[in-house]
Amino acid sequence: MPNIASAKKALRQSIGRRARNLAKAEAYKRAVKVYKKLVSAKKIEEAKTALRKVYKSLDKAAKTNVITKNKASRLKSRLAKLLSR
């Protein structure tokens, strides 16, 4: 545990940031999982609406540097390709 006040504050901040980052990471992973399940079940209309949610969660994760912008765009591309097959 830190002794210095600024180190204590930095610890509090990092704990909060970690919680936020984990929440965003879990949100995009959950959205991708739901989308893939819909595509495999051939529910195309529902998958299209789920794809929008996936895009939104990926963009939010990339905006806050939870994942890189390239990873977000790569995932978006691959997931869109899944739907078009």
Protein backbone atom coordinates (compact mmCIF):
# COMPACT_ATOMS: atom_id res chain seq x y z
CA MET A 1 0.00 0.00 0.00
CA PRO A 2 1.23 3.49 -0.78
CA ASN A 3 2.24 5.85 2.02
CA ILE A 4 2.31 9.16 0.15
CA ALA A 5 -0.96 11.01 -0.42
CA SER A 6 -0.43 11.43 -4.16
CA ALA A 7 0.34 7.72 -4.49
CA LYS A 8 -2.86 6.88 -2.59
CA LYS A 9 -4.86 9.07 -4.95
CA ALA A 10 -3.14 7.49 -7.97
CA LEU A 11 -4.12 4.06 -6.65
CA ARG A 12 -7.76 5.14 -6.24
CA GLN A 13 -7.75 6.54 -9.77
CA SER A 14 -6.22 3.44 -11.28
CA ILE A 15 -8.76 1.20 -9.54
CA GLY A 16 -11.61 3.29 -10.98
CA ARG A 17 -10.07 3.33 -14.44
CA ARG A 18 -9.55 -0.42 -14.35
CA ALA A 19 -13.21 -0.96 -13.48
CA ARG A 20 -14.34 1.29 -16.33
CA ASN A 21 -11.98 -0.36 -18.81
CA LEU A 22 -13.06 -3.86 -17.80
CA ALA A 23 -16.71 -2.86 -18.16
CA LYS A 24 -16.14 -1.57 -21.69
CA ALA A 25 -14.12 -4.65 -22.66
CA GLU A 26 -16.79 -6.98 -21.30
CA ALA A 27 -19.51 -4.99 -23.08
CA TYR A 28 -17.94 -5.34 -26.51
CA LYS A 29 -17.09 -9.01 -25.97
CA ARG A 30 -20.65 -9.73 -24.84
CA ALA A 31 -22.07 -7.87 -27.85
CA VAL A 32 -19.83 -9.85 -30.23
CA LYS A 33 -20.90 -13.12 -28.61
CA VAL A 34 -24.61 -12.30 -28.97
CA TYR A 35 -24.09 -11.24 -32.59
CA LYS A 36 -22.20 -14.43 -33.51
CA LYS A 37 -24.91 -16.53 -31.89
CA LEU A 38 -27.59 -14.77 -33.96
CA VAL A 39 -25.62 -15.20 -37.19
CA SER A 40 -25.08 -18.91 -36.57
CA ALA A 41 -28.82 -19.28 -35.86
CA LYS A 42 -29.52 -17.54 -39.20
CA LYS A 43 -31.58 -14.77 -37.57
CA ILE A 44 -30.52 -12.12 -40.08
CA GLU A 45 -32.75 -9.19 -39.09
CA GLU A 46 -31.90 -9.53 -35.41
CA ALA A 47 -28.22 -9.91 -36.31
CA LYS A 48 -28.34 -6.61 -38.23
CA THR A 49 -29.59 -4.75 -35.17
CA ALA A 50 -27.05 -6.56 -33.00
CA LEU A 51 -24.29 -5.53 -35.41
CA ARG A 52 -25.10 -1.88 -34.74
CA LYS A 53 -24.72 -2.51 -31.00
CA VAL A 54 -21.41 -4.27 -31.64
CA TYR A 55 -20.16 -1.31 -33.68
CA LYS A 56 -21.18 1.10 -30.93
CA SER A 57 -19.45 -0.86 -28.17
CA LEU A 58 -16.30 -1.37 -30.28
CA ASP A 59 -16.14 2.33 -31.09
CA LYS A 60 -16.52 3.25 -27.42
CA ALA A 61 -13.77 0.81 -26.43
CA ALA A 62 -11.46 2.16 -29.15
CA LYS A 63 -12.21 5.79 -28.28
CA THR A 64 -11.07 5.29 -24.71
CA ASN A 65 -8.05 3.14 -25.66
CA VAL A 66 -9.41 -0.07 -24.15
CA ILE A 67 -8.58 -1.59 -27.55
CA THR A 68 -6.72 -0.03 -30.45
CA LYS A 69 -8.55 1.61 -33.34
CA ASN A 70 -7.11 -0.95 -35.73
CA LYS A 71 -8.41 -3.85 -33.66
CA ALA A 72 -11.86 -2.27 -33.57
CA SER A 73 -11.96 -1.75 -37.32
CA ARG A 74 -10.59 -5.25 -37.97
CA LEU A 75 -13.29 -6.81 -35.79
CA LYS A 76 -16.00 -4.68 -37.40
CA SER A 77 -14.85 -5.77 -40.85
CA ARG A 78 -14.76 -9.46 -39.96
CA LEU A 79 -18.14 -9.36 -38.25
CA ALA A 80 -19.76 -7.58 -41.20
CA LYS A 81 -18.25 -10.19 -43.50
CA LEU A 82 -19.86 -12.92 -41.37
CA LEU A 83 -23.31 -11.44 -42.00
CA SER A 84 -22.84 -11.13 -45.75
CA ARG A 85 -21.97 -14.82 -46.16
